[in-house]
Protein backbone atom coordinates (compact mmCIF):
# COMPACT_ATOMS: atom_id res chain seq x y z
CA MET A 1 -13.50 -3.52 14.21
CA ASN A 2 -14.50 -5.53 11.15
CA ILE A 3 -12.07 -7.49 8.98
CA GLY A 4 -12.72 -8.91 5.53
CA ALA A 5 -10.16 -11.26 4.02
CA ILE A 6 -9.38 -12.42 0.49
CA LYS A 7 -6.83 -14.74 -1.08
CA THR A 8 -4.50 -12.92 -3.50
CA PRO A 9 -1.36 -13.80 -5.47
CA VAL A 10 0.69 -12.28 -2.60
CA GLY A 11 -1.12 -14.12 0.19
CA GLN A 12 -4.24 -13.86 2.30
CA LEU A 13 -4.93 -10.14 2.71
CA GLY A 14 -7.40 -8.59 5.10
CA LEU A 15 -8.88 -5.12 5.22
CA VAL A 16 -9.80 -3.55 8.53
CA GLU A 17 -12.82 -1.25 8.54
CA GLU A 18 -13.61 1.17 11.33
CA ASP A 19 -16.34 3.82 11.22
CA GLY A 20 -16.85 3.40 7.48
CA ASN A 21 -13.16 3.71 6.54
CA ILE A 22 -10.38 1.29 5.67
CA THR A 23 -7.75 1.73 8.38
CA GLN A 24 -5.38 -1.16 7.83
CA LEU A 25 -4.33 -3.94 5.46
CA MET A 26 -3.05 -7.14 7.07
CA TRP A 27 -1.43 -10.33 5.81
CA ASP A 28 -2.70 -13.75 6.93
CA ALA A 29 -5.95 -12.17 8.08
CA ARG A 30 -9.24 -13.93 8.71
CA ASP A 31 -12.77 -12.56 8.52
CA LYS A 32 -13.95 -11.02 11.77
CA GLY A 33 -17.15 -9.21 12.58
CA GLU A 34 -19.47 -7.94 9.89
CA ARG A 35 -18.64 -7.76 6.20
CA THR A 36 -19.76 -4.18 5.80
CA PRO A 37 -20.43 -2.51 2.43
CA VAL A 38 -17.03 -0.76 2.69
CA LEU A 39 -15.28 -4.10 3.26
CA LYS A 40 -17.17 -5.74 0.40
CA GLU A 41 -16.16 -2.91 -1.93
CA GLY A 42 -12.57 -2.96 -0.68
CA LEU A 43 -12.25 -6.69 -1.24
CA LYS A 44 -13.84 -6.35 -4.68
CA GLN A 45 -11.31 -3.66 -5.60
CA LEU A 46 -8.40 -5.76 -4.30
CA ARG A 47 -9.64 -8.69 -6.39
CA GLU A 48 -9.89 -6.45 -9.47
CA PHE A 49 -6.41 -5.02 -8.81
CA PHE A 50 -4.87 -8.48 -8.68
CA ASP A 51 -6.95 -9.63 -11.68
CA GLY A 52 -5.43 -6.75 -13.65
CA THR A 53 -8.73 -4.94 -14.26
CA ARG A 54 -8.16 -2.10 -11.76
CA GLU A 55 -5.35 0.47 -11.78
CA THR A 56 -6.33 2.59 -8.77
CA PHE A 57 -8.36 2.18 -5.62
CA ASP A 58 -11.38 4.33 -4.77
CA LEU A 59 -12.01 3.63 -1.10
CA PRO A 60 -12.53 5.72 2.03
CA LEU A 61 -9.13 5.48 3.69
CA ALA A 62 -8.26 6.61 7.21
CA PRO A 63 -4.69 5.53 7.90
CA GLU A 64 -3.42 6.41 11.34
CA GLY A 65 -0.50 8.84 11.24
CA SER A 66 0.79 12.34 11.84
CA ASP A 67 0.09 15.24 9.48
CA PHE A 68 3.48 14.59 7.86
CA GLN A 69 2.71 10.90 7.39
CA GLN A 70 -0.63 11.85 5.81
CA GLN A 71 1.26 14.08 3.32
CA VAL A 72 3.53 11.17 2.44
CA TYR A 73 0.56 8.79 2.05
CA ALA A 74 -1.07 11.30 -0.32
CA ALA A 75 2.15 11.43 -2.38
CA LEU A 76 2.23 7.62 -2.50
CA LEU A 77 -1.36 7.48 -3.74
CA ALA A 78 -0.33 9.67 -6.70
CA ILE A 79 2.22 7.10 -7.98
CA PRO A 80 0.62 5.21 -10.89
CA LYS A 81 0.53 1.43 -10.96
CA GLY A 82 3.60 0.09 -12.70
CA GLU A 83 5.76 3.12 -11.88
CA THR A 84 8.17 3.90 -9.08
CA ARG A 85 9.48 7.04 -7.36
CA THR A 86 12.53 7.43 -5.18
CA TYR A 87 12.45 8.41 -1.53
CA GLY A 88 14.50 11.43 -2.59
CA SER A 89 12.04 12.60 -5.23
CA ILE A 90 9.16 12.47 -2.75
CA ALA A 91 11.31 14.29 -0.18
CA GLN A 92 12.05 16.99 -2.74
CA GLU A 93 8.37 17.28 -3.66
CA LEU A 94 7.44 17.74 0.01
CA GLY A 95 10.48 19.90 0.85
CA VAL A 96 11.82 17.61 3.57
CA PRO A 97 14.89 15.38 4.10
CA THR A 98 14.83 11.88 2.62
CA GLN A 99 15.03 9.82 5.83
CA PRO A 100 11.59 10.82 7.18
CA ILE A 101 10.04 9.68 3.87
CA GLY A 102 11.38 6.18 4.45
CA GLN A 103 10.13 6.22 8.02
CA ALA A 104 6.66 7.33 6.91
CA CYS A 105 6.59 4.60 4.24
CA GLY A 106 7.61 2.09 6.91
CA SER A 107 4.69 3.12 9.10
CA ASN A 108 2.11 2.84 6.30
CA PRO A 109 -0.79 0.80 7.76
CA ILE A 110 -2.46 0.20 4.37
CA PRO A 111 0.27 -1.15 2.05
CA VAL A 112 -0.72 -2.21 -1.48
CA ILE A 113 -3.63 0.27 -1.49
CA ILE A 114 -1.36 3.10 -0.33
CA PRO A 115 1.45 1.85 -2.56
CA CYS A 116 4.62 2.27 -0.51
CA HIS A 117 6.09 -0.64 -2.51
CA ARG A 118 6.41 1.81 -5.43
CA VAL A 119 8.96 3.89 -3.53
CA VAL A 120 12.57 2.83 -3.98
CA GLY A 121 15.98 4.07 -3.00
CA ALA A 122 18.32 5.83 -5.42
CA ASP A 123 20.68 2.83 -5.25
CA GLY A 124 18.36 -0.04 -4.29
CA LEU A 125 14.91 -1.13 -3.29
CA GLY A 126 14.66 0.15 0.27
CA GLY A 127 12.33 -1.53 2.75
CA PHE A 128 8.66 -2.47 2.84
CA SER A 129 6.07 -2.07 5.60
CA GLY A 130 4.09 -5.20 4.74
CA ASP A 131 4.75 -8.78 5.75
CA GLY A 132 7.58 -10.38 3.86
CA GLY A 133 9.67 -7.21 3.73
CA VAL A 134 11.73 -6.62 0.61
CA GLU A 135 10.75 -10.02 -0.88
CA MET A 136 7.10 -8.92 -0.86
CA LYS A 137 8.06 -5.53 -2.30
CA ILE A 138 9.80 -7.33 -5.17
CA ALA A 139 6.76 -9.57 -5.71
CA LEU A 140 4.44 -6.55 -5.89
CA LEU A 141 6.75 -4.65 -8.26
CA LYS A 142 7.03 -7.71 -10.51
CA PHE A 143 3.25 -8.13 -10.43
CA GLU A 144 2.89 -4.50 -11.57
CA GLN A 145 5.64 -4.99 -14.17
CA ALA A 146 7.53 -2.13 -12.52
CA TYR A 147 10.76 -4.01 -12.26
CA SER A 148 13.11 -2.19 -14.60
CA LEU A 149 15.40 -1.68 -11.64
CA LEU A 150 15.20 -5.37 -10.77
CA LEU A 151 16.68 -6.44 -14.12
């Protein structure tokens, strides 16, 4: 396992690369192993995202998860930067109950890149799978200027 880390406005983030794919994003990470081409590109894209010059990520992702979780992750990747969706709208899109959507978001191993922070409840923010919980979710939504529901 190789880890490449970078300082961002939301803390020290690290990408984990295994077999040529990004498998995890971690907070308070430190470099470990080799800085592979995939890690270099991932860190470059994270830097561009936080510099405001990148809207989407184009990386080989391999998040661990069931087939259902993979469907949810694909739905999350379709949410544009600066926008939000509700757990209910994703549930409706996938034809499933709402609760499993929240559970899949909570198990997301690559937050920020697979943007689970862009999924909110009908009456509130909901949770967040990354370090810092809801406070980090708020910070990311503010960074993306997607905070109409925070006003």
